[in-house]
């Protein structure tokens, strides 16, 4: 039988991509991606013994990651204005239109408030409204309304060249 530590390490490795995506959206020049990632993993470890499997592990990881990042930002009292791109992103071919569009999208998302970031991240991860509701605690109707408004807000920001 596998130990608790081994099971936890396997969980973190399985959902590492999710953790990094959430942390990436909440990182600021004052709060590094690595600090957020470490804080999320610590909180996952603290909560792991109490995870009863009543929801999918990915749902639980998203919830812990989002709550940790939001709490960390509140503690720092530093609302994010933009997200620095990783060194890997800086190496992207500047002429590649897809990468430029992705960079622009992340720049716009970084300007959203915390809840808007959370919702759009989950939406971009192809989570169903039901899954998003389970993670955020909002109703599916509320999520649909908010996502519609967020998409419109991003369209307007993009058309005004706000990035």
C-alpha atoms as a PDB file:
ATOM      1  CA  UNK A   1       0.000   0.000   0.000  1.00  0.00           C
ATOM      2  CA  UNK A   2       1.314   3.379  -0.962  1.00  0.00           C
ATOM      3  CA  UNK A   3       2.162   5.876   1.738  1.00  0.00           C
ATOM      4  CA  UNK A   4       0.311   9.140   2.228  1.00  0.00           C
ATOM      5  CA  UNK A   5       3.383  11.066   1.089  1.00  0.00           C
ATOM      6  CA  UNK A   6       3.711   9.025  -2.099  1.00  0.00           C
ATOM      7  CA  UNK A   7       0.011   9.454  -2.880  1.00  0.00           C
ATOM      8  CA  UNK A   8       0.276  13.196  -2.281  1.00  0.00           C
ATOM      9  CA  UNK A   9       3.327  13.527  -4.521  1.00  0.00           C
ATOM     10  CA  UNK A  10       1.501  11.617  -7.258  1.00  0.00           C
ATOM     11  CA  UNK A  11      -1.497  13.955  -6.881  1.00  0.00           C
ATOM     12  CA  UNK A  12       0.685  17.077  -7.178  1.00  0.00           C
ATOM     13  CA  UNK A  13       2.470  15.667 -10.226  1.00  0.00           C
ATOM     14  CA  UNK A  14      -0.847  14.778 -11.854  1.00  0.00           C
ATOM     15  CA  UNK A  15      -2.304  18.258 -11.331  1.00  0.00           C
ATOM     16  CA  UNK A  16       0.896  20.295 -11.582  1.00  0.00           C
ATOM     17  CA  UNK A  17      -0.294  21.959 -14.803  1.00  0.00           C
ATOM     18  CA  UNK A  18      -3.508  23.137 -13.125  1.00  0.00           C
ATOM     19  CA  UNK A  19      -1.596  24.529 -10.148  1.00  0.00           C
ATOM     20  CA  UNK A  20       0.825  26.422 -12.399  1.00  0.00           C
ATOM     21  CA  UNK A  21      -1.969  27.895 -14.519  1.00  0.00           C
ATOM     22  CA  UNK A  22      -3.818  29.227 -11.504  1.00  0.00           C
ATOM     23  CA  UNK A  23      -0.626  30.612  -9.964  1.00  0.00           C
ATOM     24  CA  UNK A  24       0.443  32.151 -13.270  1.00  0.00           C
ATOM     25  CA  UNK A  25      -2.739  34.203 -13.472  1.00  0.00           C
ATOM     26  CA  UNK A  26      -2.312  35.548  -9.947  1.00  0.00           C
ATOM     27  CA  UNK A  27       1.436  36.193 -10.006  1.00  0.00           C
ATOM     28  CA  UNK A  28       2.588  39.804  -9.912  1.00  0.00           C
ATOM     29  CA  UNK A  29       5.972  41.495  -9.911  1.00  0.00           C
ATOM     30  CA  UNK A  30       5.722  41.552  -6.098  1.00  0.00           C
ATOM     31  CA  UNK A  31       4.452  37.964  -5.766  1.00  0.00           C
ATOM     32  CA  UNK A  32       6.376  35.382  -7.726  1.00  0.00           C
ATOM     33  CA  UNK A  33       4.911  32.373  -9.451  1.00  0.00           C
ATOM     34  CA  UNK A  34       7.192  30.159  -7.380  1.00  0.00           C
ATOM     35  CA  UNK A  35       5.959  31.646  -4.083  1.00  0.00           C
ATOM     36  CA  UNK A  36       2.340  31.101  -5.065  1.00  0.00           C
ATOM     37  CA  UNK A  37       3.045  27.565  -6.269  1.00  0.00           C
ATOM     38  CA  UNK A  38       4.794  26.699  -3.024  1.00  0.00           C
ATOM     39  CA  UNK A  39       1.951  28.170  -0.965  1.00  0.00           C
ATOM     40  CA  UNK A  40      -0.609  26.140  -2.935  1.00  0.00           C
ATOM     41  CA  UNK A  41       1.336  22.903  -2.459  1.00  0.00           C
ATOM     42  CA  UNK A  42       1.664  23.589   1.280  1.00  0.00           C
ATOM     43  CA  UNK A  43      -2.099  24.160   1.541  1.00  0.00           C
ATOM     44  CA  UNK A  44      -2.801  21.033  -0.495  1.00  0.00           C
ATOM     45  CA  UNK A  45      -0.591  19.070   1.897  1.00  0.00           C
ATOM     46  CA  UNK A  46      -2.374  20.544   4.933  1.00  0.00           C
ATOM     47  CA  UNK A  47      -5.777  19.679   3.488  1.00  0.00           C
ATOM     48  CA  UNK A  48      -4.842  16.311   1.994  1.00  0.00           C
ATOM     49  CA  UNK A  49      -5.684  14.216   5.071  1.00  0.00           C
ATOM     50  CA  UNK A  50      -9.184  15.756   5.081  1.00  0.00           C
ATOM     51  CA  UNK A  51      -9.866  15.169   1.365  1.00  0.00           C
ATOM     52  CA  UNK A  52     -12.716  12.674   1.413  1.00  0.00           C
ATOM     53  CA  UNK A  53     -13.065  12.185  -2.326  1.00  0.00           C
ATOM     54  CA  UNK A  54     -16.568  13.644  -2.415  1.00  0.00           C
ATOM     55  CA  UNK A  55     -15.495  15.702  -5.414  1.00  0.00           C
ATOM     56  CA  UNK A  56     -13.034  14.980  -8.190  1.00  0.00           C
ATOM     57  CA  UNK A  57      -9.391  15.512  -7.209  1.00  0.00           C
ATOM     58  CA  UNK A  58      -9.062  18.159  -9.954  1.00  0.00           C
ATOM     59  CA  UNK A  59     -11.993  20.082  -8.470  1.00  0.00           C
ATOM     60  CA  UNK A  60     -10.407  19.966  -5.026  1.00  0.00           C
ATOM     61  CA  UNK A  61      -7.013  21.080  -6.405  1.00  0.00           C
ATOM     62  CA  UNK A  62      -8.612  23.993  -8.301  1.00  0.00           C
ATOM     63  CA  UNK A  63     -10.500  25.115  -5.214  1.00  0.00           C
ATOM     64  CA  UNK A  64      -7.405  25.007  -2.984  1.00  0.00           C
ATOM     65  CA  UNK A  65      -5.254  26.722  -5.634  1.00  0.00           C
ATOM     66  CA  UNK A  66      -7.737  29.524  -6.294  1.00  0.00           C
ATOM     67  CA  UNK A  67      -8.450  30.144  -2.616  1.00  0.00           C
ATOM     68  CA  UNK A  68      -4.744  30.091  -1.772  1.00  0.00           C
ATOM     69  CA  UNK A  69      -3.826  32.586  -4.485  1.00  0.00           C
ATOM     70  CA  UNK A  70      -6.662  34.943  -3.585  1.00  0.00           C
ATOM     71  CA  UNK A  71      -5.817  34.752   0.121  1.00  0.00           C
ATOM     72  CA  UNK A  72      -2.119  35.254  -0.588  1.00  0.00           C
ATOM     73  CA  UNK A  73      -2.897  38.382  -2.613  1.00  0.00           C
ATOM     74  CA  UNK A  74      -5.148  39.752   0.126  1.00  0.00           C
ATOM     75  CA  UNK A  75      -2.378  39.227   2.665  1.00  0.00           C
ATOM     76  CA  UNK A  76       0.061  41.065   0.443  1.00  0.00           C
ATOM     77  CA  UNK A  77      -2.515  43.811  -0.226  1.00  0.00           C
ATOM     78  CA  UNK A  78      -1.153  44.028  -3.723  1.00  0.00           C
ATOM     79  CA  UNK A  79      -3.809  43.813  -6.400  1.00  0.00           C
ATOM     80  CA  UNK A  80      -2.271  42.462  -9.606  1.00  0.00           C
ATOM     81  CA  UNK A  81      -2.079  44.910 -12.455  1.00  0.00           C
ATOM     82  CA  UNK A  82      -0.254  42.609 -14.851  1.00  0.00           C
ATOM     83  CA  UNK A  83       1.480  39.268 -15.012  1.00  0.00           C
ATOM     84  CA  UNK A  84       5.085  38.954 -16.014  1.00  0.00           C
ATOM     85  CA  UNK A  85       5.562  36.307 -18.660  1.00  0.00           C
ATOM     86  CA  UNK A  86       7.898  33.463 -17.933  1.00  0.00           C
ATOM     87  CA  UNK A  87      11.318  33.382 -19.598  1.00  0.00           C
ATOM     88  CA  UNK A  88       9.999  30.583 -21.817  1.00  0.00           C
ATOM     89  CA  UNK A  89       7.210  32.837 -23.065  1.00  0.00           C
ATOM     90  CA  UNK A  90       9.730  35.576 -23.856  1.00  0.00           C
ATOM     91  CA  UNK A  91      11.487  33.163 -26.200  1.00  0.00           C
ATOM     92  CA  UNK A  92       8.360  32.665 -28.264  1.00  0.00           C
ATOM     93  CA  UNK A  93       8.626  33.729 -31.854  1.00  0.00           C
ATOM     94  CA  UNK A  94       7.293  37.291 -31.902  1.00  0.00           C
ATOM     95  CA  UNK A  95       6.050  36.773 -35.440  1.00  0.00           C
ATOM     96  CA  UNK A  96       3.876  33.813 -34.503  1.00  0.00           C
ATOM     97  CA  UNK A  97       0.321  35.151 -34.511  1.00  0.00           C
ATOM     98  CA  UNK A  98      -1.019  32.444 -32.206  1.00  0.00           C
ATOM     99  CA  UNK A  99       1.554  33.261 -29.528  1.00  0.00           C
ATOM    100  CA  UNK A 100       0.858  36.979 -29.875  1.00  0.00           C
ATOM    101  CA  UNK A 101      -2.866  36.375 -29.432  1.00  0.00           C
ATOM    102  CA  UNK A 102      -2.240  34.143 -26.414  1.00  0.00           C
ATOM    103  CA  UNK A 103       0.046  36.758 -24.847  1.00  0.00           C
ATOM    104  CA  UNK A 104      -2.579  39.443 -25.452  1.00  0.00           C
ATOM    105  CA  UNK A 105      -5.285  37.247 -23.903  1.00  0.00           C
ATOM    106  CA  UNK A 106      -3.218  36.616 -20.750  1.00  0.00           C
ATOM    107  CA  UNK A 107      -2.420  40.324 -20.497  1.00  0.00           C
ATOM    108  CA  UNK A 108      -6.128  41.126 -20.634  1.00  0.00           C
ATOM    109  CA  UNK A 109      -7.053  38.381 -18.181  1.00  0.00           C
ATOM    110  CA  UNK A 110      -4.444  39.719 -15.752  1.00  0.00           C
ATOM    111  CA  UNK A 111      -6.422  42.982 -15.584  1.00  0.00           C
ATOM    112  CA  UNK A 112      -9.608  41.257 -14.422  1.00  0.00           C
ATOM    113  CA  UNK A 113     -10.590  41.073 -10.775  1.00  0.00           C
ATOM    114  CA  UNK A 114      -9.908  37.918  -8.778  1.00  0.00           C
ATOM    115  CA  UNK A 115     -13.279  36.236  -9.270  1.00  0.00           C
ATOM    116  CA  UNK A 116     -13.322  37.053 -12.996  1.00  0.00           C
ATOM    117  CA  UNK A 117      -9.854  35.516 -13.377  1.00  0.00           C
ATOM    118  CA  UNK A 118     -10.971  32.386 -11.560  1.00  0.00           C
ATOM    119  CA  UNK A 119     -14.063  31.945 -13.706  1.00  0.00           C
ATOM    120  CA  UNK A 120     -12.367  32.601 -17.053  1.00  0.00           C
ATOM    121  CA  UNK A 121      -9.494  30.270 -16.132  1.00  0.00           C
ATOM    122  CA  UNK A 122     -11.891  27.440 -15.360  1.00  0.00           C
ATOM    123  CA  UNK A 123     -13.854  28.200 -18.539  1.00  0.00           C
ATOM    124  CA  UNK A 124     -10.668  28.127 -20.639  1.00  0.00           C
ATOM    125  CA  UNK A 125      -9.829  24.780 -19.034  1.00  0.00           C
ATOM    126  CA  UNK A 126     -13.091  23.455 -20.549  1.00  0.00           C
ATOM    127  CA  UNK A 127     -14.697  22.926 -17.167  1.00  0.00           C
ATOM    128  CA  UNK A 128     -18.468  22.518 -17.291  1.00  0.00           C
ATOM    129  CA  UNK A 129     -20.694  25.033 -15.530  1.00  0.00           C
ATOM    130  CA  UNK A 130     -21.470  22.273 -13.044  1.00  0.00           C
ATOM    131  CA  UNK A 131     -17.765  21.769 -12.274  1.00  0.00           C
ATOM    132  CA  UNK A 132     -17.173  25.524 -12.039  1.00  0.00           C
ATOM    133  CA  UNK A 133     -20.106  25.800  -9.640  1.00  0.00           C
ATOM    134  CA  UNK A 134     -18.650  23.039  -7.478  1.00  0.00           C
ATOM    135  CA  UNK A 135     -15.238  24.735  -7.384  1.00  0.00           C
ATOM    136  CA  UNK A 136     -16.421  28.309  -6.806  1.00  0.00           C
ATOM    137  CA  UNK A 137     -19.616  27.797  -4.845  1.00  0.00           C
ATOM    138  CA  UNK A 138     -21.620  29.904  -7.311  1.00  0.00           C
ATOM    139  CA  UNK A 139     -24.794  28.772  -9.048  1.00  0.00           C
ATOM    140  CA  UNK A 140     -24.613  27.616 -12.662  1.00  0.00           C
ATOM    141  CA  UNK A 141     -26.916  30.481 -13.684  1.00  0.00           C
ATOM    142  CA  UNK A 142     -24.668  32.993 -11.949  1.00  0.00           C
ATOM    143  CA  UNK A 143     -21.633  31.480 -13.668  1.00  0.00           C
ATOM    144  CA  UNK A 144     -23.271  31.702 -17.102  1.00  0.00           C
ATOM    145  CA  UNK A 145     -24.154  35.350 -16.524  1.00  0.00           C
ATOM    146  CA  UNK A 146     -20.729  36.266 -15.181  1.00  0.00           C
ATOM    147  CA  UNK A 147     -18.879  34.451 -17.971  1.00  0.00           C
ATOM    148  CA  UNK A 148     -20.956  36.259 -20.563  1.00  0.00           C
ATOM    149  CA  UNK A 149     -20.055  39.585 -18.953  1.00  0.00           C
ATOM    150  CA  UNK A 150     -16.391  38.648 -18.638  1.00  0.00           C
ATOM    151  CA  UNK A 151     -16.185  37.681 -22.320  1.00  0.00           C
ATOM    152  CA  UNK A 152     -17.799  40.979 -23.290  1.00  0.00           C
ATOM    153  CA  UNK A 153     -15.424  42.869 -21.017  1.00  0.00           C
ATOM    154  CA  UNK A 154     -12.432  41.129 -22.610  1.00  0.00           C
ATOM    155  CA  UNK A 155     -13.773  41.914 -26.104  1.00  0.00           C
ATOM    156  CA  UNK A 156     -14.138  45.595 -25.210  1.00  0.00           C
ATOM    157  CA  UNK A 157     -10.702  45.728 -23.603  1.00  0.00           C
ATOM    158  CA  UNK A 158      -9.212  44.095 -26.704  1.00  0.00           C
ATOM    159  CA  UNK A 159     -10.996  46.413 -29.133  1.00  0.00           C
ATOM    160  CA  UNK A 160      -9.836  49.487 -27.165  1.00  0.00           C
ATOM    161  CA  UNK A 161      -6.297  48.210 -27.168  1.00  0.00           C
ATOM    162  CA  UNK A 162      -6.183  48.114 -23.348  1.00  0.00           C
ATOM    163  CA  UNK A 163      -3.152  46.017 -22.559  1.00  0.00           C
END
